[in-house]
N, C-alpha and C. Protein backbone atom coordinates (compact mmCIF):
# COMPACT_ATOMS: atom_id res chain seq x y z
N MET A 1 0.85 -1.16 0.00
CA MET A 1 0.00 0.00 0.00
C MET A 1 0.90 1.23 0.00
N ASN A 2 0.69 2.16 -0.93
CA ASN A 2 1.53 3.35 -0.99
C ASN A 2 0.95 4.46 -0.10
N ASN A 3 1.67 5.58 -0.02
CA ASN A 3 1.27 6.68 0.87
C ASN A 3 -0.07 7.28 0.49
N ASN A 4 -0.39 7.38 -0.79
CA ASN A 4 -1.67 7.95 -1.21
C ASN A 4 -2.83 7.08 -0.76
N GLU A 5 -2.67 5.77 -0.83
CA GLU A 5 -3.73 4.87 -0.39
C GLU A 5 -3.91 4.96 1.13
N ARG A 6 -2.81 5.07 1.85
CA ARG A 6 -2.89 5.20 3.32
C ARG A 6 -3.58 6.51 3.70
N ALA A 7 -3.25 7.58 3.00
CA ALA A 7 -3.85 8.89 3.29
C ALA A 7 -5.35 8.87 3.04
N ARG A 8 -5.80 8.08 2.11
CA ARG A 8 -7.23 7.99 1.80
C ARG A 8 -8.01 7.38 2.96
N TYR A 9 -7.39 6.47 3.70
CA TYR A 9 -8.05 5.82 4.82
C TYR A 9 -7.90 6.57 6.14
N LEU A 10 -7.01 7.54 6.20
CA LEU A 10 -6.73 8.27 7.42
C LEU A 10 -7.98 8.94 8.03
N PRO A 11 -8.83 9.65 7.26
CA PRO A 11 -10.02 10.26 7.88
C PRO A 11 -10.94 9.24 8.53
N ALA A 12 -11.12 8.09 7.92
CA ALA A 12 -11.98 7.07 8.50
C ALA A 12 -11.39 6.52 9.79
N VAL A 13 -10.08 6.32 9.81
CA VAL A 13 -9.42 5.82 11.01
C VAL A 13 -9.52 6.85 12.14
N LEU A 14 -9.26 8.12 11.82
CA LEU A 14 -9.35 9.17 12.84
C LEU A 14 -10.77 9.30 13.38
N ALA A 15 -11.76 9.23 12.52
CA ALA A 15 -13.16 9.32 12.95
C ALA A 15 -13.50 8.16 13.88
N SER A 16 -13.00 6.98 13.58
CA SER A 16 -13.26 5.81 14.44
C SER A 16 -12.62 5.99 15.80
N VAL A 17 -11.40 6.48 15.83
CA VAL A 17 -10.71 6.69 17.10
C VAL A 17 -11.44 7.75 17.93
N LEU A 18 -11.85 8.84 17.32
CA LEU A 18 -12.57 9.89 18.04
C LEU A 18 -13.90 9.39 18.56
N LEU A 19 -14.58 8.55 17.81
CA LEU A 19 -15.85 7.99 18.25
C LEU A 19 -15.65 7.13 19.49
N VAL A 20 -14.61 6.34 19.50
CA VAL A 20 -14.34 5.48 20.65
C VAL A 20 -13.93 6.31 21.86
N LEU A 21 -13.16 7.37 21.66
CA LEU A 21 -12.67 8.18 22.77
C LEU A 21 -13.68 9.18 23.31
N SER A 22 -14.68 9.54 22.51
CA SER A 22 -15.64 10.55 22.96
C SER A 22 -16.53 10.00 24.05
N THR A 23 -16.91 10.87 24.98
CA THR A 23 -17.74 10.48 26.10
C THR A 23 -19.05 11.25 26.01
N SER A 24 -20.12 10.55 25.76
CA SER A 24 -21.41 11.22 25.66
C SER A 24 -22.21 11.00 26.93
N CYS A 25 -23.19 11.85 27.15
CA CYS A 25 -24.05 11.71 28.33
C CYS A 25 -24.89 10.45 28.24
N GLU A 26 -25.14 9.96 27.02
CA GLU A 26 -25.93 8.74 26.87
C GLU A 26 -25.28 7.58 27.61
N LYS A 27 -23.95 7.55 27.65
CA LYS A 27 -23.23 6.49 28.35
C LYS A 27 -23.63 6.44 29.81
N TYR A 28 -23.89 7.58 30.42
CA TYR A 28 -24.19 7.66 31.84
C TYR A 28 -25.69 7.65 32.13
N ALA A 29 -26.52 7.74 31.11
CA ALA A 29 -27.97 7.77 31.33
C ALA A 29 -28.46 6.46 31.92
N ASP A 30 -27.78 5.36 31.65
CA ASP A 30 -28.17 4.07 32.21
C ASP A 30 -27.43 3.74 33.49
N GLY A 31 -26.70 4.69 34.02
CA GLY A 31 -25.94 4.48 35.26
C GLY A 31 -26.85 4.53 36.46
N PRO A 32 -26.26 4.47 37.63
CA PRO A 32 -27.05 4.53 38.87
C PRO A 32 -27.88 5.81 38.94
N GLU A 33 -29.11 5.67 39.39
CA GLU A 33 -29.96 6.85 39.58
C GLU A 33 -29.55 7.53 40.88
N ILE A 34 -29.49 8.87 40.84
CA ILE A 34 -29.15 9.63 42.04
C ILE A 34 -30.28 10.58 42.38
N GLY A 35 -30.33 10.98 43.63
CA GLY A 35 -31.30 11.96 44.09
C GLY A 35 -30.63 12.94 45.04
N TRP A 36 -30.97 14.21 44.89
CA TRP A 36 -30.42 15.25 45.75
C TRP A 36 -31.05 15.11 47.13
N VAL A 37 -30.27 15.29 48.19
CA VAL A 37 -30.78 15.16 49.55
C VAL A 37 -30.51 16.44 50.33
N SER A 38 -31.17 16.58 51.46
CA SER A 38 -30.97 17.78 52.28
C SER A 38 -29.57 17.78 52.87
N GLY A 39 -29.13 18.94 53.29
CA GLY A 39 -27.80 19.08 53.88
C GLY A 39 -26.82 19.79 52.97
N SER A 40 -27.28 20.24 51.80
CA SER A 40 -26.39 20.98 50.90
C SER A 40 -26.06 22.33 51.53
N SER A 41 -24.89 22.87 51.17
CA SER A 41 -24.45 24.14 51.75
C SER A 41 -23.60 24.91 50.76
N ILE A 42 -23.35 26.17 51.11
CA ILE A 42 -22.47 27.02 50.30
C ILE A 42 -21.44 27.63 51.24
N SER A 43 -20.16 27.55 50.85
CA SER A 43 -19.11 28.21 51.62
C SER A 43 -18.54 29.32 50.74
N TYR A 44 -18.25 30.45 51.36
CA TYR A 44 -17.82 31.65 50.63
C TYR A 44 -16.34 31.92 50.87
N SER A 45 -15.69 32.51 49.89
CA SER A 45 -14.29 32.93 50.05
C SER A 45 -14.21 34.43 49.76
N TYR A 46 -13.29 35.09 50.46
CA TYR A 46 -13.15 36.54 50.36
C TYR A 46 -11.71 36.91 50.05
N SER A 47 -11.54 38.03 49.39
CA SER A 47 -10.21 38.58 49.12
C SER A 47 -10.27 40.07 49.40
N GLY A 48 -9.45 40.53 50.33
CA GLY A 48 -9.45 41.95 50.68
C GLY A 48 -10.79 42.42 51.22
N GLY A 49 -11.53 41.53 51.88
CA GLY A 49 -12.81 41.88 52.46
C GLY A 49 -13.98 41.81 51.49
N ALA A 50 -13.72 41.50 50.23
CA ALA A 50 -14.79 41.40 49.23
C ALA A 50 -14.98 39.95 48.82
N LEU A 51 -16.22 39.59 48.56
CA LEU A 51 -16.53 38.24 48.11
C LEU A 51 -15.80 37.95 46.81
N SER A 52 -15.06 36.84 46.77
CA SER A 52 -14.32 36.49 45.56
C SER A 52 -14.77 35.17 44.95
N GLY A 53 -15.51 34.39 45.71
CA GLY A 53 -15.98 33.12 45.17
C GLY A 53 -16.78 32.34 46.18
N PHE A 54 -17.26 31.18 45.75
CA PHE A 54 -17.98 30.30 46.65
C PHE A 54 -17.90 28.88 46.12
N THR A 55 -18.19 27.95 47.02
CA THR A 55 -18.27 26.54 46.66
C THR A 55 -19.62 26.03 47.11
N ALA A 56 -20.39 25.51 46.17
CA ALA A 56 -21.68 24.90 46.47
C ALA A 56 -21.41 23.42 46.73
N ASN A 57 -21.81 22.94 47.90
CA ASN A 57 -21.63 21.55 48.30
C ASN A 57 -23.00 20.88 48.24
N LEU A 58 -23.25 20.14 47.15
CA LEU A 58 -24.57 19.58 46.88
C LEU A 58 -24.60 18.09 47.21
N LYS A 59 -25.42 17.71 48.17
CA LYS A 59 -25.47 16.33 48.67
C LYS A 59 -26.40 15.49 47.80
N PHE A 60 -25.97 14.23 47.54
CA PHE A 60 -26.83 13.29 46.83
C PHE A 60 -26.51 11.85 47.24
N THR A 61 -27.44 10.96 46.95
CA THR A 61 -27.26 9.53 47.19
C THR A 61 -27.72 8.75 45.97
N VAL A 62 -27.31 7.50 45.91
CA VAL A 62 -27.78 6.58 44.87
C VAL A 62 -29.15 6.09 45.32
N THR A 63 -30.15 6.19 44.43
CA THR A 63 -31.52 5.85 44.82
C THR A 63 -32.01 4.52 44.29
N ASP A 64 -31.26 3.88 43.38
CA ASP A 64 -31.77 2.64 42.79
C ASP A 64 -31.02 1.38 43.21
N GLY A 65 -30.10 1.49 44.17
CA GLY A 65 -29.41 0.31 44.68
C GLY A 65 -28.32 -0.26 43.79
N THR A 66 -27.90 0.47 42.76
CA THR A 66 -26.84 -0.01 41.88
C THR A 66 -25.59 0.84 42.07
N SER A 67 -24.49 0.38 41.50
CA SER A 67 -23.26 1.17 41.53
C SER A 67 -22.76 1.34 40.11
N GLY A 68 -21.91 2.34 39.91
CA GLY A 68 -21.35 2.61 38.58
C GLY A 68 -20.94 4.05 38.44
N ASP A 69 -20.56 4.42 37.23
CA ASP A 69 -20.13 5.79 36.94
C ASP A 69 -21.32 6.69 36.67
N ILE A 70 -21.25 7.91 37.19
CA ILE A 70 -22.22 8.95 36.86
C ILE A 70 -21.46 10.17 36.36
N LYS A 71 -22.13 11.01 35.61
CA LYS A 71 -21.56 12.26 35.14
C LYS A 71 -22.42 13.39 35.69
N VAL A 72 -21.76 14.40 36.23
CA VAL A 72 -22.46 15.58 36.77
C VAL A 72 -21.88 16.81 36.07
N THR A 73 -22.77 17.70 35.64
CA THR A 73 -22.37 18.90 34.91
C THR A 73 -22.95 20.14 35.59
N ALA A 74 -22.11 21.15 35.76
CA ALA A 74 -22.55 22.46 36.27
C ALA A 74 -22.47 23.43 35.11
N GLU A 75 -23.54 24.24 34.94
CA GLU A 75 -23.58 25.18 33.82
C GLU A 75 -24.13 26.52 34.27
N HIS A 76 -23.52 27.58 33.73
CA HIS A 76 -23.99 28.95 33.97
C HIS A 76 -23.72 29.76 32.72
N ASN A 77 -24.75 30.24 32.07
CA ASN A 77 -24.64 31.07 30.87
C ASN A 77 -23.70 30.47 29.82
N GLY A 78 -23.83 29.19 29.56
CA GLY A 78 -23.02 28.54 28.54
C GLY A 78 -21.66 28.06 29.02
N ASP A 79 -21.25 28.46 30.22
CA ASP A 79 -19.99 28.00 30.81
C ASP A 79 -20.28 26.68 31.50
N LYS A 80 -19.63 25.58 31.05
CA LYS A 80 -19.90 24.24 31.58
C LYS A 80 -18.64 23.58 32.09
N LYS A 81 -18.79 22.86 33.17
CA LYS A 81 -17.73 22.00 33.69
C LYS A 81 -18.41 20.69 34.10
N SER A 82 -17.74 19.57 33.81
CA SER A 82 -18.29 18.25 34.13
C SER A 82 -17.26 17.40 34.85
N CYS A 83 -17.75 16.39 35.55
CA CYS A 83 -16.88 15.40 36.15
C CYS A 83 -17.60 14.06 36.16
N VAL A 84 -16.82 13.01 36.30
CA VAL A 84 -17.35 11.65 36.35
C VAL A 84 -16.83 11.01 37.63
N ALA A 85 -17.69 10.24 38.28
CA ALA A 85 -17.27 9.55 39.50
C ALA A 85 -18.00 8.22 39.62
N PHE A 86 -17.36 7.29 40.28
CA PHE A 86 -17.97 6.00 40.58
C PHE A 86 -18.73 6.14 41.89
N VAL A 87 -19.99 5.72 41.90
CA VAL A 87 -20.82 5.83 43.10
C VAL A 87 -21.42 4.47 43.44
N GLU A 88 -21.71 4.30 44.75
CA GLU A 88 -22.27 3.06 45.25
C GLU A 88 -23.47 3.37 46.13
N PRO A 89 -24.42 2.42 46.22
CA PRO A 89 -25.56 2.64 47.11
C PRO A 89 -25.12 2.63 48.57
N GLY A 90 -25.89 3.30 49.41
CA GLY A 90 -25.60 3.33 50.83
C GLY A 90 -24.60 4.40 51.24
N GLU A 91 -24.08 5.15 50.30
CA GLU A 91 -23.12 6.21 50.58
C GLU A 91 -23.75 7.56 50.26
N GLU A 92 -23.34 8.61 50.98
CA GLU A 92 -23.75 9.97 50.64
C GLU A 92 -22.57 10.66 49.98
N TYR A 93 -22.83 11.34 48.89
CA TYR A 93 -21.78 12.00 48.12
C TYR A 93 -22.04 13.50 48.08
N THR A 94 -20.99 14.25 47.77
CA THR A 94 -21.10 15.70 47.63
C THR A 94 -20.52 16.11 46.29
N ALA A 95 -21.34 16.78 45.49
CA ALA A 95 -20.84 17.41 44.26
C ALA A 95 -20.43 18.82 44.66
N ARG A 96 -19.14 19.13 44.49
CA ARG A 96 -18.62 20.45 44.86
C ARG A 96 -18.41 21.28 43.60
N VAL A 97 -19.15 22.39 43.53
CA VAL A 97 -19.05 23.29 42.40
C VAL A 97 -18.34 24.55 42.88
N SER A 98 -17.10 24.75 42.39
CA SER A 98 -16.31 25.92 42.79
C SER A 98 -16.50 27.04 41.77
N CYS A 99 -16.77 28.23 42.26
CA CYS A 99 -17.03 29.38 41.38
C CYS A 99 -16.29 30.61 41.87
N SER A 100 -15.88 31.42 40.93
CA SER A 100 -15.40 32.76 41.28
C SER A 100 -16.50 33.73 40.89
N VAL A 101 -16.50 34.88 41.52
CA VAL A 101 -17.54 35.87 41.26
C VAL A 101 -16.91 37.20 40.88
N SER A 102 -17.72 38.00 40.18
CA SER A 102 -17.29 39.32 39.76
C SER A 102 -18.23 40.34 40.39
N SER A 103 -17.75 41.55 40.56
CA SER A 103 -18.61 42.61 41.12
C SER A 103 -19.52 43.19 40.05
N ASP A 104 -19.60 42.51 38.93
CA ASP A 104 -20.41 42.95 37.79
C ASP A 104 -21.88 43.16 38.17
N GLY A 105 -22.38 42.40 39.14
CA GLY A 105 -23.76 42.55 39.56
C GLY A 105 -24.76 41.76 38.76
N ALA A 106 -24.32 41.01 37.75
CA ALA A 106 -25.24 40.20 36.96
C ALA A 106 -25.70 39.01 37.77
N THR A 107 -27.00 38.79 37.84
CA THR A 107 -27.53 37.64 38.57
C THR A 107 -27.66 36.47 37.63
N GLY A 108 -27.74 35.30 38.20
CA GLY A 108 -27.89 34.13 37.37
C GLY A 108 -28.10 32.88 38.19
N THR A 109 -28.25 31.77 37.49
CA THR A 109 -28.49 30.49 38.12
C THR A 109 -27.48 29.48 37.61
N ILE A 110 -26.88 28.75 38.52
CA ILE A 110 -26.03 27.63 38.17
C ILE A 110 -26.92 26.40 38.20
N THR A 111 -26.94 25.65 37.12
CA THR A 111 -27.74 24.45 37.03
C THR A 111 -26.81 23.24 37.06
N VAL A 112 -27.05 22.34 38.00
CA VAL A 112 -26.24 21.13 38.13
C VAL A 112 -27.12 19.96 37.71
N THR A 113 -26.68 19.24 36.67
CA THR A 113 -27.49 18.16 36.12
C THR A 113 -26.67 16.87 36.04
N SER A 114 -27.40 15.78 35.92
CA SER A 114 -26.82 14.47 35.69
C SER A 114 -27.83 13.67 34.89
N PRO A 115 -27.37 12.90 33.88
CA PRO A 115 -28.31 12.06 33.13
C PRO A 115 -29.03 11.05 34.02
N SER A 116 -28.47 10.76 35.20
CA SER A 116 -29.09 9.77 36.08
C SER A 116 -29.88 10.41 37.23
N ALA A 117 -30.04 11.74 37.23
CA ALA A 117 -30.86 12.43 38.23
C ALA A 117 -32.18 12.82 37.59
N SER A 118 -33.25 12.68 38.35
CA SER A 118 -34.56 13.00 37.78
C SER A 118 -34.79 14.49 37.60
N GLU A 119 -34.07 15.31 38.36
CA GLU A 119 -34.23 16.76 38.23
C GLU A 119 -32.90 17.46 38.51
N PRO A 120 -32.73 18.67 37.98
CA PRO A 120 -31.49 19.42 38.23
C PRO A 120 -31.51 20.05 39.61
N PHE A 121 -30.33 20.42 40.10
CA PHE A 121 -30.18 21.19 41.32
C PHE A 121 -29.77 22.58 40.88
N THR A 122 -30.42 23.62 41.38
CA THR A 122 -30.08 24.98 40.96
C THR A 122 -29.56 25.79 42.15
N VAL A 123 -28.57 26.63 41.84
CA VAL A 123 -27.99 27.54 42.83
C VAL A 123 -28.09 28.94 42.23
N ARG A 124 -28.77 29.84 42.90
CA ARG A 124 -28.93 31.20 42.41
C ARG A 124 -27.82 32.09 42.95
N SER A 125 -27.36 33.01 42.12
CA SER A 125 -26.29 33.92 42.52
C SER A 125 -26.66 35.35 42.15
N GLU A 126 -26.27 36.28 43.00
CA GLU A 126 -26.50 37.69 42.73
C GLU A 126 -25.30 38.32 42.05
N TYR A 127 -24.33 37.51 41.65
CA TYR A 127 -23.10 37.99 41.04
C TYR A 127 -22.86 37.29 39.71
N LYS A 128 -22.01 37.89 38.91
CA LYS A 128 -21.56 37.22 37.70
C LYS A 128 -20.67 36.07 38.15
N VAL A 129 -20.96 34.88 37.67
CA VAL A 129 -20.28 33.67 38.14
C VAL A 129 -19.44 33.07 37.03
N ILE A 130 -18.27 32.59 37.39
CA ILE A 130 -17.43 31.80 36.51
C ILE A 130 -17.20 30.47 37.19
N ILE A 131 -17.62 29.37 36.57
CA ILE A 131 -17.45 28.05 37.17
C ILE A 131 -15.99 27.64 37.00
N LYS A 132 -15.31 27.43 38.10
CA LYS A 132 -13.91 27.03 38.07
C LYS A 132 -13.76 25.51 37.97
N GLY A 133 -14.67 24.77 38.57
CA GLY A 133 -14.55 23.32 38.53
C GLY A 133 -15.67 22.63 39.28
N ILE A 134 -15.75 21.32 39.08
CA ILE A 134 -16.73 20.50 39.79
C ILE A 134 -16.05 19.18 40.12
N SER A 135 -16.35 18.66 41.30
CA SER A 135 -15.79 17.38 41.72
C SER A 135 -16.83 16.64 42.56
N ILE A 136 -16.63 15.35 42.69
CA ILE A 136 -17.51 14.54 43.53
C ILE A 136 -16.66 13.84 44.57
N ASN A 137 -17.06 14.00 45.83
CA ASN A 137 -16.35 13.38 46.94
C ASN A 137 -17.32 12.54 47.75
């Protein structure tokens, strides 16, 4: 096989590799079902006496008695961050959404979703928010 023939197959090979490596939410839709529980909290951080950010600590548990990977996504005005974690029944987990804030004064809502949760969790903010990250502990 010469170089021209190899080059002709390269797009198909790359597309196949990308398809295998891509992670879609559909993969996690059949994962363990989760439900948000009471006990969620927000901790604030300050710089020079002014609010500079916060972390939303959102509590959840597995509700269907199964274990596996789930995906959780936090979104605010098109800014998205996601994480994946292995969860088991009988444990309580915390999705931690870290955000920085601006004195811009723009209000908004951070929506935290998972393909395996029946409803989103929302956090309202009176500030312009930038999602720095999300993790599950």
